[in-house]
């Protein structure tokens, strides 16, 4: 998906098992961020960055994190770091594929399929306003907030 495209809809369970839909957030800015794995260093920095910036981000919109981890794994991660936004379980990887976050990766000379850390900013009408393909976990929440403020003005 590119800027200006309609964002792919989704219906995924959150860390409590409640199904969350992109359409539930119509009329608000939505940060849809994809991350490789619960409770790993980069993913924890990114999640805690969103958690710590949530007061400002809530004024602008909502945040949802998506990975292939189970609902149970998300619940442990969510509780351990007192996260204040939903983590969605895409165990089948269909939403990851729709958003282009399921990609060929390589480590130590081996190729494999995995989740690319990336984010989509979806505007209140449900269209992609910005795509973040290179994410610095510790700075990402601040970067998105600045972009939302620019796009809103």
N, C-alpha and C. Protein backbone atom coordinates (compact mmCIF):
# COMPACT_ATOMS: atom_id res chain seq x y z
N UNK A 1 0.84 -1.18 0.00
CA UNK A 1 0.00 0.00 0.00
C UNK A 1 0.88 1.24 0.00
N UNK A 2 0.38 2.24 -0.68
CA UNK A 2 1.12 3.49 -0.79
C UNK A 2 0.29 4.64 -0.23
N UNK A 3 0.93 5.78 -0.05
CA UNK A 3 0.23 6.98 0.42
C UNK A 3 -0.93 7.26 -0.54
N UNK A 4 -2.09 7.51 0.05
CA UNK A 4 -3.30 7.79 -0.72
C UNK A 4 -4.19 6.58 -0.94
N UNK A 5 -3.64 5.38 -0.79
CA UNK A 5 -4.43 4.16 -0.93
C UNK A 5 -5.34 3.97 0.27
N UNK A 6 -6.46 3.27 0.04
CA UNK A 6 -7.32 2.89 1.17
C UNK A 6 -6.57 1.84 1.97
N UNK A 7 -6.49 2.03 3.28
CA UNK A 7 -5.80 1.06 4.15
C UNK A 7 -6.59 -0.23 4.19
N UNK A 8 -5.88 -1.34 4.15
CA UNK A 8 -6.53 -2.66 4.21
C UNK A 8 -7.21 -2.83 5.56
N UNK A 9 -8.44 -3.24 5.54
CA UNK A 9 -9.17 -3.48 6.77
C UNK A 9 -8.65 -4.72 7.48
N UNK A 10 -8.94 -4.81 8.76
CA UNK A 10 -8.56 -6.00 9.50
C UNK A 10 -9.52 -6.23 10.65
N UNK A 11 -9.60 -7.47 11.08
CA UNK A 11 -10.33 -7.89 12.27
C UNK A 11 -9.43 -8.89 12.97
N UNK A 12 -8.80 -8.45 14.07
CA UNK A 12 -7.84 -9.30 14.78
C UNK A 12 -8.07 -9.23 16.28
N UNK A 13 -7.80 -10.33 16.98
CA UNK A 13 -7.96 -10.30 18.44
C UNK A 13 -6.81 -9.53 19.10
N UNK A 14 -7.17 -8.78 20.15
CA UNK A 14 -6.14 -8.08 20.92
C UNK A 14 -5.66 -8.96 22.06
N UNK A 15 -4.89 -8.38 22.96
CA UNK A 15 -4.28 -9.14 24.06
C UNK A 15 -5.30 -9.71 25.03
N UNK A 16 -6.54 -9.26 24.96
CA UNK A 16 -7.60 -9.81 25.82
C UNK A 16 -8.48 -10.81 25.07
N UNK A 17 -8.25 -10.93 23.76
CA UNK A 17 -9.08 -11.80 22.92
C UNK A 17 -10.21 -11.05 22.23
N UNK A 18 -10.40 -9.77 22.58
CA UNK A 18 -11.44 -8.96 21.94
C UNK A 18 -11.02 -8.62 20.51
N UNK A 19 -11.94 -8.78 19.57
CA UNK A 19 -11.64 -8.48 18.18
C UNK A 19 -11.66 -6.97 17.95
N UNK A 20 -10.59 -6.49 17.35
CA UNK A 20 -10.46 -5.07 17.00
C UNK A 20 -10.49 -4.96 15.48
N UNK A 21 -11.21 -3.96 14.98
CA UNK A 21 -11.30 -3.73 13.53
C UNK A 21 -10.76 -2.34 13.21
N UNK A 22 -10.11 -2.22 12.08
CA UNK A 22 -9.65 -0.89 11.65
C UNK A 22 -10.84 0.04 11.55
N UNK A 23 -11.96 -0.44 11.06
CA UNK A 23 -13.15 0.40 10.89
C UNK A 23 -13.68 0.96 12.22
N UNK A 24 -13.32 0.32 13.35
CA UNK A 24 -13.71 0.84 14.67
C UNK A 24 -13.14 2.23 14.92
N UNK A 25 -12.06 2.55 14.24
CA UNK A 25 -11.34 3.80 14.48
C UNK A 25 -11.61 4.86 13.41
N UNK A 26 -12.59 4.63 12.55
CA UNK A 26 -12.92 5.59 11.50
C UNK A 26 -13.15 6.96 12.14
N UNK A 27 -12.62 8.00 11.52
CA UNK A 27 -12.76 9.36 12.04
C UNK A 27 -11.59 9.79 12.91
N UNK A 28 -10.64 8.87 13.13
CA UNK A 28 -9.45 9.18 13.93
C UNK A 28 -8.20 8.79 13.16
N UNK A 29 -7.09 9.39 13.49
CA UNK A 29 -5.80 8.95 12.97
C UNK A 29 -5.46 7.63 13.64
N UNK A 30 -4.90 6.70 12.87
CA UNK A 30 -4.54 5.40 13.42
C UNK A 30 -3.09 5.09 13.04
N UNK A 31 -2.31 4.75 14.05
CA UNK A 31 -0.95 4.29 13.85
C UNK A 31 -1.00 2.76 13.88
N UNK A 32 -0.74 2.13 12.74
CA UNK A 32 -0.73 0.67 12.64
C UNK A 32 0.73 0.28 12.51
N UNK A 33 1.29 -0.25 13.60
CA UNK A 33 2.71 -0.60 13.54
C UNK A 33 2.90 -2.11 13.64
N UNK A 34 3.82 -2.59 12.83
CA UNK A 34 4.13 -4.01 12.76
C UNK A 34 5.50 -4.23 13.39
N UNK A 35 5.59 -5.26 14.20
CA UNK A 35 6.84 -5.53 14.90
C UNK A 35 7.09 -7.04 14.94
N UNK A 36 8.37 -7.44 14.98
CA UNK A 36 8.69 -8.87 14.88
C UNK A 36 8.26 -9.76 16.04
N UNK A 37 8.52 -9.36 17.29
CA UNK A 37 8.30 -10.31 18.38
C UNK A 37 8.15 -9.61 19.72
N UNK A 38 7.17 -10.07 20.50
CA UNK A 38 6.97 -9.55 21.85
C UNK A 38 8.23 -9.73 22.70
N UNK A 39 8.46 -8.74 23.56
CA UNK A 39 9.47 -8.83 24.61
C UNK A 39 10.89 -9.07 24.10
N UNK A 40 11.21 -8.49 22.95
CA UNK A 40 12.58 -8.48 22.44
C UNK A 40 13.07 -7.03 22.54
N UNK A 41 14.37 -6.81 22.54
CA UNK A 41 14.88 -5.45 22.82
C UNK A 41 14.30 -4.33 21.96
N UNK A 42 14.36 -4.47 20.64
CA UNK A 42 13.86 -3.41 19.77
C UNK A 42 12.36 -3.22 19.88
N UNK A 43 11.64 -4.33 19.95
CA UNK A 43 10.18 -4.27 20.04
C UNK A 43 9.74 -3.67 21.36
N UNK A 44 10.47 -3.95 22.42
CA UNK A 44 10.15 -3.38 23.73
C UNK A 44 10.40 -1.87 23.72
N UNK A 45 11.52 -1.43 23.14
CA UNK A 45 11.80 0.01 23.05
C UNK A 45 10.70 0.72 22.29
N UNK A 46 10.30 0.14 21.17
CA UNK A 46 9.27 0.77 20.35
C UNK A 46 7.94 0.83 21.11
N UNK A 47 7.52 -0.28 21.71
CA UNK A 47 6.26 -0.32 22.44
C UNK A 47 6.27 0.66 23.62
N UNK A 48 7.36 0.70 24.35
CA UNK A 48 7.45 1.62 25.49
C UNK A 48 7.48 3.08 25.03
N UNK A 49 8.04 3.34 23.87
CA UNK A 49 8.00 4.68 23.30
C UNK A 49 6.57 5.12 23.02
N UNK A 50 5.79 4.21 22.43
CA UNK A 50 4.37 4.53 22.21
C UNK A 50 3.65 4.70 23.54
N UNK A 51 3.91 3.81 24.49
CA UNK A 51 3.28 3.89 25.81
C UNK A 51 3.56 5.25 26.45
N UNK A 52 4.83 5.65 26.44
CA UNK A 52 5.23 6.88 27.11
C UNK A 52 4.71 8.13 26.40
N UNK A 53 4.45 8.03 25.10
CA UNK A 53 3.94 9.17 24.35
C UNK A 53 2.44 9.14 24.14
N UNK A 54 1.76 8.20 24.81
CA UNK A 54 0.34 7.99 24.53
C UNK A 54 -0.54 9.18 24.88
N UNK A 55 -0.21 9.94 25.91
CA UNK A 55 -1.04 11.10 26.23
C UNK A 55 -1.13 12.03 25.03
N UNK A 56 0.00 12.31 24.41
CA UNK A 56 0.01 13.16 23.22
C UNK A 56 -0.59 12.45 22.01
N UNK A 57 -0.25 11.19 21.83
CA UNK A 57 -0.77 10.45 20.69
C UNK A 57 -2.29 10.28 20.76
N UNK A 58 -2.84 10.10 21.94
CA UNK A 58 -4.30 9.95 22.08
C UNK A 58 -5.05 11.18 21.63
N UNK A 59 -4.43 12.34 21.77
CA UNK A 59 -5.06 13.56 21.29
C UNK A 59 -5.18 13.53 19.77
N UNK A 60 -4.22 12.88 19.14
CA UNK A 60 -4.19 12.84 17.69
C UNK A 60 -4.90 11.62 17.12
N UNK A 61 -4.86 10.51 17.82
CA UNK A 61 -5.45 9.29 17.27
C UNK A 61 -5.21 8.10 18.17
N UNK A 62 -5.09 6.93 17.56
CA UNK A 62 -4.90 5.69 18.31
C UNK A 62 -3.73 4.90 17.73
N UNK A 63 -3.20 4.01 18.54
CA UNK A 63 -2.08 3.16 18.15
C UNK A 63 -2.51 1.71 18.29
N UNK A 64 -2.16 0.88 17.31
CA UNK A 64 -2.30 -0.56 17.44
C UNK A 64 -1.01 -1.21 16.96
N UNK A 65 -0.53 -2.17 17.71
CA UNK A 65 0.65 -2.94 17.33
C UNK A 65 0.21 -4.30 16.84
N UNK A 66 0.86 -4.80 15.77
CA UNK A 66 0.49 -6.09 15.20
C UNK A 66 1.74 -6.95 15.00
N UNK A 67 1.64 -8.20 15.46
CA UNK A 67 2.68 -9.19 15.17
C UNK A 67 2.00 -10.56 15.05
N UNK A 68 2.79 -11.59 14.79
CA UNK A 68 2.24 -12.95 14.69
C UNK A 68 2.15 -13.63 16.05
N UNK A 69 2.62 -12.98 17.11
CA UNK A 69 2.58 -13.58 18.43
C UNK A 69 1.13 -13.89 18.84
N UNK A 70 0.97 -14.85 19.72
CA UNK A 70 -0.35 -15.27 20.18
C UNK A 70 -0.98 -14.21 21.09
N UNK A 71 -2.28 -14.35 21.28
CA UNK A 71 -3.01 -13.50 22.22
C UNK A 71 -2.37 -13.60 23.60
N UNK A 72 -2.00 -14.81 24.02
CA UNK A 72 -1.41 -15.03 25.34
C UNK A 72 -0.05 -14.33 25.46
N UNK A 73 0.76 -14.41 24.42
CA UNK A 73 2.06 -13.73 24.42
C UNK A 73 1.86 -12.22 24.51
N UNK A 74 0.89 -11.71 23.74
CA UNK A 74 0.59 -10.28 23.79
C UNK A 74 0.12 -9.86 25.18
N UNK A 75 -0.67 -10.70 25.81
CA UNK A 75 -1.17 -10.37 27.15
C UNK A 75 -0.01 -10.25 28.14
N UNK A 76 0.94 -11.17 28.07
CA UNK A 76 2.11 -11.11 28.97
C UNK A 76 2.95 -9.86 28.69
N UNK A 77 3.21 -9.57 27.42
CA UNK A 77 4.01 -8.41 27.02
C UNK A 77 3.29 -7.12 27.43
N UNK A 78 2.01 -7.06 27.18
CA UNK A 78 1.19 -5.89 27.50
C UNK A 78 1.21 -5.61 29.00
N UNK A 79 1.06 -6.66 29.80
CA UNK A 79 1.06 -6.52 31.26
C UNK A 79 2.44 -6.18 31.79
N UNK A 80 3.46 -6.88 31.32
CA UNK A 80 4.83 -6.67 31.82
C UNK A 80 5.28 -5.22 31.68
N UNK A 81 4.90 -4.57 30.57
CA UNK A 81 5.35 -3.20 30.32
C UNK A 81 4.23 -2.17 30.48
N UNK A 82 3.12 -2.57 31.06
CA UNK A 82 1.98 -1.67 31.31
C UNK A 82 1.65 -0.86 30.06
N UNK A 83 1.50 -1.56 28.94
CA UNK A 83 1.19 -0.88 27.68
C UNK A 83 -0.25 -0.38 27.72
N UNK A 84 -0.47 0.74 27.06
CA UNK A 84 -1.78 1.39 27.12
C UNK A 84 -2.43 1.52 25.74
N UNK A 85 -2.18 0.54 24.90
CA UNK A 85 -2.78 0.46 23.58
C UNK A 85 -2.86 -1.02 23.21
N UNK A 86 -3.73 -1.37 22.27
CA UNK A 86 -3.90 -2.79 21.94
C UNK A 86 -2.77 -3.38 21.11
N UNK A 87 -2.48 -4.64 21.40
CA UNK A 87 -1.57 -5.45 20.60
C UNK A 87 -2.43 -6.51 19.92
N UNK A 88 -2.35 -6.58 18.60
CA UNK A 88 -3.20 -7.49 17.85
C UNK A 88 -2.43 -8.69 17.35
N UNK A 89 -3.07 -9.84 17.43
CA UNK A 89 -2.45 -11.10 17.02
C UNK A 89 -2.89 -11.47 15.61
N UNK A 90 -1.93 -11.46 14.69
CA UNK A 90 -2.18 -11.88 13.30
C UNK A 90 -1.48 -13.22 13.10
N UNK A 91 -1.98 -14.24 13.78
CA UNK A 91 -1.30 -15.54 13.79
C UNK A 91 -1.20 -16.16 12.40
N UNK A 92 -2.14 -15.87 11.52
CA UNK A 92 -2.09 -16.41 10.16
C UNK A 92 -1.27 -15.54 9.22
N UNK A 93 -0.96 -14.31 9.61
CA UNK A 93 -0.13 -13.42 8.81
C UNK A 93 -0.82 -12.75 7.64
N UNK A 94 -2.14 -12.82 7.58
CA UNK A 94 -2.86 -12.23 6.43
C UNK A 94 -2.79 -10.71 6.41
N UNK A 95 -2.89 -10.08 7.56
CA UNK A 95 -2.80 -8.62 7.62
C UNK A 95 -1.36 -8.18 7.35
N UNK A 96 -0.41 -8.93 7.90
CA UNK A 96 1.01 -8.64 7.64
C UNK A 96 1.27 -8.65 6.13
N UNK A 97 0.74 -9.64 5.44
CA UNK A 97 0.93 -9.72 3.99
C UNK A 97 0.24 -8.57 3.28
N UNK A 98 -0.99 -8.24 3.69
CA UNK A 98 -1.75 -7.16 3.05
C UNK A 98 -1.03 -5.82 3.16
N UNK A 99 -0.32 -5.62 4.26
CA UNK A 99 0.39 -4.37 4.48
C UNK A 99 1.85 -4.43 4.02
N UNK A 100 2.28 -5.56 3.50
CA UNK A 100 3.66 -5.68 3.02
C UNK A 100 4.69 -5.82 4.11
N UNK A 101 4.26 -6.20 5.31
CA UNK A 101 5.19 -6.33 6.44
C UNK A 101 5.76 -7.74 6.56
N UNK A 102 5.25 -8.70 5.79
CA UNK A 102 5.78 -10.07 5.79
C UNK A 102 6.72 -10.13 4.61
N UNK A 103 8.03 -10.17 4.88
CA UNK A 103 9.03 -10.03 3.83
C UNK A 103 10.17 -11.02 3.99
N UNK A 104 10.90 -11.15 2.89
CA UNK A 104 12.14 -11.94 2.90
C UNK A 104 13.17 -11.16 3.72
N UNK A 105 13.78 -11.84 4.68
CA UNK A 105 14.81 -11.23 5.52
C UNK A 105 16.04 -12.14 5.49
N UNK A 106 17.14 -11.63 6.00
CA UNK A 106 18.32 -12.48 6.09
C UNK A 106 19.10 -12.14 7.35
N UNK A 107 19.70 -13.17 7.94
CA UNK A 107 20.53 -12.99 9.12
C UNK A 107 21.60 -14.08 9.08
N UNK A 108 22.82 -13.67 9.29
CA UNK A 108 23.95 -14.61 9.30
C UNK A 108 24.00 -15.44 8.02
N UNK A 109 23.67 -14.80 6.90
CA UNK A 109 23.74 -15.47 5.61
C UNK A 109 22.58 -16.37 5.28
N UNK A 110 21.59 -16.46 6.16
CA UNK A 110 20.42 -17.30 5.90
C UNK A 110 19.21 -16.42 5.58
N UNK A 111 18.46 -16.82 4.57
CA UNK A 111 17.24 -16.10 4.20
C UNK A 111 16.03 -16.78 4.83
N UNK A 112 15.07 -15.98 5.22
CA UNK A 112 13.84 -16.50 5.81
C UNK A 112 12.76 -15.44 5.69
N UNK A 113 11.52 -15.85 5.84
CA UNK A 113 10.40 -14.92 5.84
C UNK A 113 10.19 -14.43 7.27
N UNK A 114 9.92 -13.15 7.42
CA UNK A 114 9.72 -12.59 8.74
C UNK A 114 9.03 -11.24 8.67
N UNK A 115 8.77 -10.68 9.83
CA UNK A 115 8.08 -9.39 9.92
C UNK A 115 9.08 -8.26 9.83
N UNK A 116 8.83 -7.36 8.89
CA UNK A 116 9.63 -6.14 8.78
C UNK A 116 9.02 -5.11 9.73
N UNK A 117 9.87 -4.51 10.54
CA UNK A 117 9.40 -3.45 11.44
C UNK A 117 9.04 -2.24 10.57
N UNK A 118 7.76 -1.96 10.49
CA UNK A 118 7.29 -0.83 9.69
C UNK A 118 5.96 -0.34 10.24
N UNK A 119 5.56 0.86 9.83
CA UNK A 119 4.36 1.49 10.36
C UNK A 119 3.60 2.20 9.25
N UNK A 120 2.28 2.17 9.38
CA UNK A 120 1.41 2.93 8.50
C UNK A 120 0.64 3.93 9.34
N UNK A 121 0.58 5.16 8.87
CA UNK A 121 -0.25 6.18 9.49
C UNK A 121 -1.50 6.30 8.62
N UNK A 122 -2.65 6.00 9.20
CA UNK A 122 -3.91 6.00 8.47
C UNK A 122 -4.72 7.22 8.89
N UNK A 123 -5.20 7.97 7.90
CA UNK A 123 -5.93 9.20 8.22
C UNK A 123 -7.37 8.89 8.64
N UNK A 124 -8.10 9.91 9.11
CA UNK A 124 -9.46 9.68 9.61
C UNK A 124 -10.44 9.12 8.58
N UNK A 125 -10.12 9.26 7.29
CA UNK A 125 -10.98 8.71 6.23
C UNK A 125 -10.59 7.29 5.86
N UNK A 126 -9.56 6.74 6.51
CA UNK A 126 -9.15 5.37 6.23
C UNK A 126 -8.13 5.22 5.12
N UNK A 127 -7.49 6.31 4.74
CA UNK A 127 -6.46 6.26 3.70
C UNK A 127 -5.07 6.35 4.31
N UNK A 128 -4.11 5.74 3.64
CA UNK A 128 -2.72 5.78 4.10
C UNK A 128 -2.18 7.19 3.92
N UNK A 129 -1.77 7.81 5.03
CA UNK A 129 -1.21 9.16 4.99
C UNK A 129 0.32 9.13 4.93
N UNK A 130 0.92 8.09 5.52
CA UNK A 130 2.38 7.98 5.51
C UNK A 130 2.77 6.54 5.79
N UNK A 131 3.87 6.13 5.16
CA UNK A 131 4.42 4.79 5.38
C UNK A 131 5.83 4.97 5.93
N UNK A 132 6.12 4.27 7.02
CA UNK A 132 7.44 4.32 7.64
C UNK A 132 8.10 2.96 7.41
N UNK A 133 9.03 2.91 6.48
CA UNK A 133 9.69 1.64 6.17
C UNK A 133 10.99 1.45 6.92
N UNK A 134 11.56 2.54 7.41
CA UNK A 134 12.78 2.46 8.21
C UNK A 134 12.45 3.06 9.57
N UNK A 135 12.36 2.20 10.56
CA UNK A 135 11.91 2.61 11.88
C UNK A 135 13.06 2.51 12.87
N UNK A 136 13.25 3.59 13.63
CA UNK A 136 14.18 3.56 14.76
C UNK A 136 13.31 3.43 16.00
N UNK A 137 13.30 2.24 16.62
CA UNK A 137 12.34 1.97 17.70
C UNK A 137 12.28 3.02 18.80
N UNK A 138 13.40 3.51 19.26
CA UNK A 138 13.41 4.44 20.39
C UNK A 138 12.85 5.81 20.04
N UNK A 139 12.84 6.18 18.76
CA UNK A 139 12.43 7.53 18.35
C UNK A 139 11.12 7.55 17.58
N UNK A 140 10.56 6.39 17.32
CA UNK A 140 9.45 6.28 16.38
C UNK A 140 8.18 7.01 16.84
N UNK A 141 7.80 6.87 18.07
CA UNK A 141 6.57 7.51 18.56
C UNK A 141 6.64 9.03 18.40
N UNK A 142 7.76 9.60 18.74
CA UNK A 142 7.93 11.06 18.61
C UNK A 142 7.85 11.49 17.14
N UNK A 143 8.47 10.72 16.26
CA UNK A 143 8.44 11.01 14.83
C UNK A 143 7.00 11.01 14.31
N UNK A 144 6.22 10.02 14.71
CA UNK A 144 4.83 9.93 14.24
C UNK A 144 4.00 11.08 14.77
N UNK A 145 4.16 11.43 16.03
CA UNK A 145 3.40 12.54 16.60
C UNK A 145 3.69 13.83 15.84
N UNK A 146 4.95 14.08 15.55
CA UNK A 146 5.31 15.27 14.78
C UNK A 146 4.66 15.26 13.40
N UNK A 147 4.65 14.10 12.76
CA UNK A 147 4.04 13.99 11.43
C UNK A 147 2.53 14.19 11.48
N UNK A 148 1.86 13.64 12.49
CA UNK A 148 0.41 13.84 12.62
C UNK A 148 0.11 15.32 12.79
N UNK A 149 0.88 15.99 13.62
CA UNK A 149 0.65 17.43 13.84
C UNK A 149 0.83 18.22 12.54
N UNK A 150 1.83 17.86 11.74
CA UNK A 150 2.06 18.54 10.44
C UNK A 150 0.90 18.26 9.50
N UNK A 151 0.46 17.01 9.42
CA UNK A 151 -0.59 16.64 8.49
C UNK A 151 -1.94 17.24 8.87
N UNK A 152 -2.16 17.43 10.17
CA UNK A 152 -3.43 18.00 10.64
C UNK A 152 -3.51 19.52 10.39
N UNK A 153 -2.36 20.17 10.29
CA UNK A 153 -2.41 21.65 10.15
C UNK A 153 -2.48 22.08 8.71
